Amino acid sequence: MSQAIVLKTEPYRWDCISLGEVMLRLDPGEGRIHTAREFRVWEGGGEYNVARGLRRCFGLRTAIVTALADNPVGRLVEDMMLQGGVDTSMVRWAPYDGVGRTVRNGLNFTERGFGVRAAAGCSDRGHTAISQTKSGDFDWEEIFGAQGARWFHTGGIYAALSETTPGAAAEAMDAARKHGTIVSFDLNYRDSLWKSIGGKAKAQEVNRELVRKVDVLFGNEEDFSAMLGISLKGVSEDFTELPVASYEQMLRDVMEAYPNLKLVATTLRTAPTATNNAWGAMAVYQNQVVHVPQRDIEILDRVGGGDSFASGLIYGMLKEKPVEWAVQCGVAHGALAMTTPGDTSMATLPEVERVMKGGSARIAR
């Protein structure tokens, strides 16, 4: 049986710190990227979205460790992060050369999809400031030792940015564990990132080592297969049906391969159309399986749903709620996050609790 999650009790500055890239998202709204004449902008990033959800929806103290090129685009991203309430005091500012030949800020063009047209993204993130970070760039002893945090979150997107970012992630994890901070990791496989630095073989080499330093692991069926080589059995290629027993076995296989893990969680999603999905989740904790069955939900913007699931589950664990409550909270928060545009959650805690209780969508006024 895996060990229980034990949280820090001594004084700490933050409830959660995230390490990862924060990009400027350009959203064509109801249109397409290749025909758009105007875009709305948001900030977003797999690891950052978790910290922001914990701050804005759940009211916890969070911070982001990242790097940005010091130019107006970087300052725009900073302004959005400040609006999100996430502590930006650990942002590393890289001098800008005026052109972007050596360092720049990442852009992420994302269209939402509708009906039979799937959501699509086009990233422009080469040579970003955060991709150039390496071991020694951040003072993790100061962060986790002198100041302190109860939870640290990072993931496979940050680890895939360059040859040096896995070392920085490992260094952060080691320092967090040394000081009693829970470490979570979202595998978040992105073929577009890994194919330039060695593909799935490199992804597995890197992530198998990182996951050995992790307490709480998030991922979907593709993530576990591509990043860890642990496959889901008994499903069709289009994932029209998700056999619960197969998902449970996959999570147990992950925990058996990595006995350091205390909790492993996956979302359950089928997508008949871009705007109508079935959404649920499953987790294994202390040999207990928690299954939140799929329910049909309507999607406005699916990007960030998994990150909001993670932040809801983390919130439940930080509040020392039963694991069933934490997983249900993650499912509800993820569902609400996908009803609004942008990567980040606009939900409130009362809304999450209402969805958890099966509340209707009757107007509140």
Protein backbone atom coordinates (compact mmCIF):
# COMPACT_ATOMS: atom_id res chain seq x y z
CA MET A 1 0.00 0.00 0.00
CA SER A 2 1.32 3.45 -0.90
CA GLN A 3 2.04 5.93 1.84
CA ALA A 4 -0.32 8.74 2.74
CA ILE A 5 0.31 12.32 1.70
CA VAL A 6 1.72 14.21 4.69
CA LEU A 7 1.78 18.01 4.42
CA LYS A 8 4.21 20.46 5.98
CA THR A 9 3.00 21.96 9.24
CA GLU A 10 5.79 24.41 10.01
CA PRO A 11 5.59 28.02 8.75
CA TYR A 12 5.56 28.36 4.98
CA ARG A 13 5.11 31.25 2.58
CA TRP A 14 3.21 29.48 -0.20
CA ASP A 15 0.64 26.73 -0.46
CA CYS A 16 1.86 25.80 -3.93
CA ILE A 17 4.71 26.76 -6.26
CA SER A 18 4.70 25.87 -9.97
CA LEU A 19 7.67 25.67 -12.33
CA GLY A 20 6.99 26.06 -16.05
CA GLU A 21 6.55 28.21 -19.12
CA VAL A 22 3.92 30.94 -19.30
CA MET A 23 2.98 31.83 -22.86
CA LEU A 24 0.85 34.51 -24.46
CA ARG A 25 -2.20 32.81 -25.96
CA LEU A 26 -3.76 34.40 -29.03
CA ASP A 27 -7.38 33.34 -29.44
CA PRO A 28 -9.39 34.00 -32.64
CA GLY A 29 -12.65 33.48 -30.74
CA GLU A 30 -15.23 31.81 -32.96
CA GLY A 31 -12.94 32.03 -36.00
CA ARG A 32 -9.93 30.17 -37.33
CA ILE A 33 -6.27 31.03 -36.86
CA HIS A 34 -5.52 31.09 -40.56
CA THR A 35 -8.39 33.48 -41.40
CA ALA A 36 -8.44 35.67 -38.27
CA ARG A 37 -8.16 39.46 -38.40
CA GLU A 38 -8.14 39.95 -34.66
CA PHE A 39 -7.17 37.93 -31.59
CA ARG A 40 -7.97 38.14 -27.92
CA VAL A 41 -5.01 37.48 -25.62
CA TRP A 42 -4.67 35.43 -22.45
CA GLU A 43 -1.80 33.99 -20.46
CA GLY A 44 -1.44 30.27 -20.03
CA GLY A 45 0.84 27.31 -19.47
CA GLY A 46 0.32 23.76 -18.22
CA GLU A 47 2.15 24.20 -14.95
CA TYR A 48 1.15 27.85 -14.39
CA ASN A 49 -2.56 27.13 -14.89
CA VAL A 50 -2.51 24.92 -11.79
CA ALA A 51 -1.06 27.68 -9.60
CA ARG A 52 -3.50 30.23 -10.98
CA GLY A 53 -6.51 27.97 -10.39
CA LEU A 54 -5.43 27.37 -6.80
CA ARG A 55 -5.15 31.13 -6.29
CA ARG A 56 -8.17 32.55 -8.12
CA CYS A 57 -10.75 29.82 -7.58
CA PHE A 58 -9.61 28.35 -4.28
CA GLY A 59 -7.96 31.34 -2.57
CA LEU A 60 -4.61 29.73 -1.77
CA ARG A 61 -1.21 31.43 -1.84
CA THR A 62 0.67 30.41 -4.97
CA ALA A 63 3.75 31.42 -6.94
CA ILE A 64 5.22 30.77 -10.37
CA VAL A 65 8.87 30.10 -11.11
CA THR A 66 9.47 30.96 -14.75
CA ALA A 67 11.52 33.16 -17.08
CA LEU A 68 10.47 35.84 -19.55
CA ALA A 69 12.25 38.04 -22.03
CA ASP A 70 12.21 41.59 -20.71
CA ASN A 71 10.21 43.35 -23.42
CA PRO A 72 6.61 44.60 -23.77
CA VAL A 73 5.28 41.12 -24.56
CA GLY A 74 6.91 39.72 -21.42
CA ARG A 75 5.51 42.59 -19.38
CA LEU A 76 2.05 41.90 -20.82
CA VAL A 77 2.31 38.29 -19.64
CA GLU A 78 3.44 39.56 -16.25
CA ASP A 79 0.47 41.94 -16.07
CA MET A 80 -1.92 39.06 -16.72
CA MET A 81 -0.23 36.91 -14.08
CA LEU A 82 -0.55 39.76 -11.60
CA GLN A 83 -4.27 39.97 -12.37
CA GLY A 84 -4.44 36.24 -11.66
CA GLY A 85 -3.01 36.82 -8.19
CA VAL A 86 -0.04 34.48 -8.59
CA ASP A 87 3.17 35.65 -6.89
CA THR A 88 5.63 36.70 -9.63
CA SER A 89 8.55 37.54 -7.35
CA MET A 90 10.54 34.56 -8.66
CA VAL A 91 10.21 35.40 -12.37
CA ARG A 92 13.64 35.44 -14.01
CA TRP A 93 13.89 38.33 -16.48
CA ALA A 94 16.21 37.72 -19.46
CA PRO A 95 17.68 40.74 -21.32
CA TYR A 96 16.05 41.17 -24.73
CA ASP A 97 18.27 41.71 -27.78
CA GLY A 98 15.68 43.80 -29.62
CA VAL A 99 15.02 41.15 -32.28
CA GLY A 100 14.48 37.79 -30.59
CA ARG A 101 17.46 35.96 -32.07
CA THR A 102 18.69 34.73 -28.68
CA VAL A 103 15.74 35.01 -26.32
CA ARG A 104 12.02 35.62 -26.68
CA ASN A 105 8.60 34.94 -25.19
CA GLY A 106 6.43 32.05 -26.30
CA LEU A 107 3.23 32.51 -28.29
CA ASN A 108 0.42 29.99 -28.45
CA PHE A 109 -2.26 30.39 -31.14
CA THR A 110 -5.30 28.29 -30.15
CA GLU A 111 -8.70 27.91 -31.79
CA ARG A 112 -11.46 26.37 -29.72
CA GLY A 113 -13.16 24.07 -32.20
CA PHE A 114 -16.89 23.54 -32.58
CA GLY A 115 -19.02 20.52 -33.39
CA VAL A 116 -17.16 18.20 -35.75
CA ARG A 117 -14.22 20.65 -36.00
CA ALA A 118 -11.70 19.81 -33.30
CA ALA A 119 -9.77 22.38 -31.29
CA ALA A 120 -6.33 23.15 -32.71
CA GLY A 121 -3.16 24.87 -31.56
CA CYS A 122 -0.07 26.31 -33.18
CA SER A 123 2.81 27.18 -30.86
CA ASP A 124 5.62 29.63 -31.60
CA ARG A 125 7.97 29.00 -28.70
CA GLY A 126 11.52 28.49 -29.97
CA HIS A 127 14.41 30.08 -27.99
CA THR A 128 12.13 31.21 -25.17
CA ALA A 129 13.66 32.48 -21.95
CA ILE A 130 12.30 29.61 -19.87
CA SER A 131 13.59 26.96 -22.31
CA GLN A 132 17.12 28.21 -21.60
CA THR A 133 16.90 27.73 -17.83
CA LYS A 134 19.14 25.08 -16.28
CA SER A 135 20.33 23.72 -12.96
CA GLY A 136 21.60 26.50 -10.72
CA ASP A 137 19.42 29.25 -12.18
CA PHE A 138 17.00 29.27 -9.24
CA ASP A 139 17.85 29.16 -5.54
CA TRP A 140 15.71 26.20 -4.52
CA GLU A 141 17.22 26.04 -1.05
CA GLU A 142 16.01 29.58 -0.41
CA ILE A 143 12.63 28.85 -1.97
CA PHE A 144 11.85 25.58 -0.19
CA GLY A 145 14.12 25.88 2.83
CA ALA A 146 14.11 29.47 4.05
CA GLN A 147 10.65 30.45 2.72
CA GLY A 148 8.81 27.16 2.34
CA ALA A 149 5.90 25.68 0.41
CA ARG A 150 3.49 22.84 1.08
CA TRP A 151 3.24 21.72 -2.55
CA PHE A 152 5.42 21.92 -5.68
CA HIS A 153 4.03 21.32 -9.16
CA THR A 154 5.75 20.95 -12.52
CA GLY A 155 5.38 18.73 -15.54
CA GLY A 156 6.36 17.19 -18.82
CA ILE A 157 5.87 20.37 -20.83
CA TYR A 158 8.60 22.17 -18.93
CA ALA A 159 10.80 19.07 -19.09
CA ALA A 160 10.42 18.96 -22.89
CA LEU A 161 11.44 22.55 -23.58
CA SER A 162 15.16 21.84 -24.01
CA GLU A 163 18.05 19.58 -23.07
CA THR A 164 18.63 21.58 -19.87
CA THR A 165 15.14 21.91 -18.38
CA PRO A 166 14.91 18.32 -17.06
CA GLY A 167 17.98 18.97 -14.90
CA ALA A 168 16.40 22.12 -13.49
CA ALA A 169 13.17 20.22 -12.75
CA ALA A 170 15.08 17.42 -11.00
CA GLU A 171 17.02 19.94 -8.93
CA ALA A 172 13.79 21.60 -7.83
CA MET A 173 12.18 18.26 -6.95
CA ASP A 174 15.16 17.18 -4.88
CA ALA A 175 15.10 20.41 -2.89
CA ALA A 176 11.33 20.21 -2.40
CA ARG A 177 11.49 16.64 -1.11
CA LYS A 178 14.41 17.50 1.18
CA HIS A 179 12.25 20.12 2.89
CA GLY A 180 9.08 18.03 3.16
CA THR A 181 7.21 19.59 0.24
CA ILE A 182 4.82 17.35 -1.73
CA VAL A 183 5.83 17.09 -5.40
CA SER A 184 3.27 16.68 -8.18
CA PHE A 185 3.95 16.19 -11.88
CA ASP A 186 1.63 16.28 -14.89
CA LEU A 187 3.07 14.19 -17.72
CA ASN A 188 1.33 16.31 -20.40
CA TYR A 189 2.93 14.64 -23.44
CA ARG A 190 3.44 17.02 -26.38
CA ASP A 191 4.78 15.33 -29.51
CA SER A 192 5.59 18.71 -31.06
CA LEU A 193 8.07 19.41 -28.26
CA TRP A 194 9.71 16.00 -27.89
CA LYS A 195 10.22 15.25 -31.57
CA SER A 196 12.96 17.89 -31.87
CA ILE A 197 14.99 16.47 -28.96
CA GLY A 198 14.71 12.72 -29.46
CA GLY A 199 11.02 11.81 -29.68
CA LYS A 200 9.28 9.25 -27.48
CA ALA A 201 12.53 7.46 -26.64
CA LYS A 202 13.92 10.66 -25.13
CA ALA A 203 10.60 11.44 -23.46
CA GLN A 204 10.65 8.08 -21.69
CA GLU A 205 14.30 8.39 -20.70
CA VAL A 206 13.70 11.81 -19.13
CA ASN A 207 10.34 11.22 -17.52
CA ARG A 208 11.09 7.80 -16.06
CA GLU A 209 13.84 9.48 -14.04
CA LEU A 210 11.75 12.49 -13.03
CA VAL A 211 8.75 10.41 -11.94
CA ARG A 212 10.98 8.61 -9.41
CA LYS A 213 11.07 11.92 -7.51
CA VAL A 214 7.29 12.48 -7.55
CA ASP A 215 4.53 11.98 -4.95
CA VAL A 216 1.43 12.77 -7.04
CA LEU A 217 1.26 12.00 -10.77
CA PHE A 218 -1.28 13.21 -13.32
CA GLY A 219 -1.69 11.96 -16.87
CA ASN A 220 -4.06 10.53 -19.43
CA GLU A 221 -3.76 7.25 -21.33
CA GLU A 222 -1.54 8.75 -24.05
CA ASP A 223 0.74 10.36 -21.45
CA PHE A 224 1.36 7.11 -19.56
CA SER A 225 2.08 5.24 -22.79
CA ALA A 226 4.29 7.83 -24.51
CA MET A 227 6.17 9.04 -21.43
CA LEU A 228 6.45 5.91 -19.27
CA GLY A 229 5.81 3.04 -21.69
CA ILE A 230 2.79 1.84 -19.67
CA SER A 231 -0.12 1.23 -22.03
CA LEU A 232 -3.88 1.11 -21.60
CA LYS A 233 -5.33 -2.18 -22.78
CA GLY A 234 -8.74 -2.95 -24.22
CA VAL A 235 -9.62 0.35 -25.90
CA SER A 236 -10.16 1.31 -29.53
CA GLU A 237 -8.00 3.91 -31.24
CA ASP A 238 -10.80 6.49 -31.21
CA PHE A 239 -11.48 6.04 -27.45
CA THR A 240 -15.23 5.97 -27.99
CA GLU A 241 -15.60 3.79 -24.89
CA LEU A 242 -13.40 3.85 -21.80
CA PRO A 243 -13.36 0.52 -19.89
CA VAL A 244 -13.09 1.35 -16.20
CA ALA A 245 -11.25 -1.87 -15.33
CA SER A 246 -8.55 -1.13 -17.92
CA TYR A 247 -7.95 2.35 -16.52
CA GLU A 248 -7.72 1.00 -12.98
CA GLN A 249 -5.17 -1.58 -14.09
CA MET A 250 -3.14 1.07 -15.90
CA LEU A 251 -2.97 3.24 -12.78
CA ARG A 252 -2.00 0.26 -10.64
CA ASP A 253 0.72 -0.65 -13.15
CA VAL A 254 2.10 2.88 -12.84
CA MET A 255 2.14 2.71 -9.05
CA GLU A 256 3.79 -0.71 -9.11
CA ALA A 257 6.52 0.58 -11.44
CA TYR A 258 7.09 3.68 -9.27
CA PRO A 259 6.58 2.75 -5.60
CA ASN A 260 7.49 6.30 -4.55
CA LEU A 261 4.13 7.49 -5.88
CA LYS A 262 1.42 8.16 -3.32
CA LEU A 263 -1.41 9.12 -5.69
CA VAL A 264 -1.94 8.68 -9.43
CA ALA A 265 -4.86 10.31 -11.22
CA THR A 266 -6.22 10.42 -14.75
CA THR A 267 -9.09 12.22 -16.41
CA LEU A 268 -11.61 10.21 -18.42
CA ARG A 269 -12.69 11.98 -21.58
CA THR A 270 -14.54 10.93 -24.69
CA ALA A 271 -15.20 13.58 -27.32
CA PRO A 272 -17.98 12.78 -29.80
CA THR A 273 -17.72 16.44 -30.87
CA ALA A 274 -15.59 19.40 -29.84
CA THR A 275 -18.55 20.89 -27.99
CA ASN A 276 -19.98 17.77 -26.37
CA ASN A 277 -17.71 15.62 -24.23
CA ALA A 278 -18.14 12.99 -21.56
CA TRP A 279 -15.92 13.90 -18.61
CA GLY A 280 -14.88 12.05 -15.46
CA ALA A 281 -11.79 10.86 -13.60
CA MET A 282 -10.13 8.05 -11.70
CA ALA A 283 -7.42 7.96 -9.04
CA VAL A 284 -5.61 5.40 -6.92
CA TYR A 285 -4.54 6.39 -3.41
CA GLN A 286 -3.46 4.04 -0.63
CA ASN A 287 -4.74 1.10 -2.68
CA GLN A 288 -8.16 2.74 -2.87
CA VAL A 289 -9.71 3.39 -6.28
CA VAL A 290 -11.77 6.54 -6.65
CA HIS A 291 -13.90 6.66 -9.78
CA VAL A 292 -15.99 9.68 -10.76
CA PRO A 293 -18.14 8.39 -13.64
CA GLN A 294 -18.27 10.37 -16.84
CA ARG A 295 -21.08 12.84 -17.33
CA ASP A 296 -21.96 14.72 -20.50
CA ILE A 297 -20.76 18.31 -20.48
CA GLU A 298 -20.81 21.12 -23.03
CA ILE A 299 -17.49 22.68 -23.96
CA LEU A 300 -16.71 26.26 -24.91
CA ASP A 301 -12.91 25.95 -24.71
CA ARG A 302 -11.34 22.64 -23.70
CA VAL A 303 -7.77 23.90 -23.23
CA GLY A 304 -6.81 23.90 -19.56
CA GLY A 305 -9.45 21.43 -18.41
CA GLY A 306 -6.85 18.93 -17.27
CA ASP A 307 -4.87 21.61 -15.44
CA SER A 308 -8.02 22.70 -13.63
CA PHE A 309 -8.71 19.08 -12.70
CA ALA A 310 -5.23 18.96 -11.18
CA SER A 311 -5.68 22.18 -9.21
CA GLY A 312 -9.04 21.05 -7.85
CA LEU A 313 -7.61 17.72 -6.71
CA ILE A 314 -4.56 19.43 -5.18
CA TYR A 315 -6.84 21.86 -3.34
CA GLY A 316 -8.74 18.95 -1.83
CA MET A 317 -5.53 17.29 -0.65
CA LEU A 318 -4.13 20.56 0.73
CA LYS A 319 -7.35 21.01 2.69
CA GLU A 320 -6.97 17.42 3.93
CA LYS A 321 -10.33 16.39 2.52
CA PRO A 322 -11.08 12.72 1.77
CA VAL A 323 -9.55 11.66 -1.53
CA GLU A 324 -13.03 11.08 -2.98
CA TRP A 325 -13.86 14.73 -2.33
CA ALA A 326 -10.58 15.87 -3.88
CA VAL A 327 -11.15 13.92 -7.11
CA GLN A 328 -14.75 15.14 -7.36
CA CYS A 329 -13.50 18.70 -6.82
CA GLY A 330 -11.02 18.26 -9.66
CA VAL A 331 -13.69 16.95 -12.02
CA ALA A 332 -16.09 19.79 -11.19
CA HIS A 333 -13.41 22.47 -11.50
CA GLY A 334 -12.20 21.08 -14.83
CA ALA A 335 -15.75 20.98 -16.19
CA LEU A 336 -16.37 24.60 -15.20
CA ALA A 337 -13.03 25.77 -16.62
CA MET A 338 -14.05 24.42 -20.02
CA THR A 339 -17.18 26.61 -20.08
CA THR A 340 -15.15 29.83 -20.38
CA PRO A 341 -12.54 31.02 -22.89
CA GLY A 342 -8.81 30.95 -22.26
CA ASP A 343 -6.51 28.43 -20.60
CA THR A 344 -7.20 29.47 -17.03
CA SER A 345 -10.16 28.94 -14.73
CA MET A 346 -12.78 31.63 -14.18
CA ALA A 347 -14.75 29.47 -11.75
CA THR A 348 -15.45 30.26 -8.10
CA LEU A 349 -15.36 27.86 -5.18
CA PRO A 350 -19.15 28.10 -4.59
CA GLU A 351 -19.69 27.17 -8.25
CA VAL A 352 -17.38 24.18 -7.91
CA GLU A 353 -19.17 23.03 -4.77
CA ARG A 354 -22.55 23.41 -6.46
CA VAL A 355 -21.46 21.23 -9.39
CA MET A 356 -20.04 18.67 -6.95
CA LYS A 357 -23.46 18.47 -5.30
CA GLY A 358 -25.20 18.02 -8.65
CA GLY A 359 -26.67 21.51 -8.67
CA SER A 360 -28.53 22.77 -11.72
CA ALA A 361 -27.50 25.57 -14.05
CA ARG A 362 -30.51 27.66 -13.06
CA ILE A 363 -29.68 31.36 -13.13
CA ALA A 364 -28.29 32.78 -9.89
CA ARG A 365 -29.22 36.43 -9.24
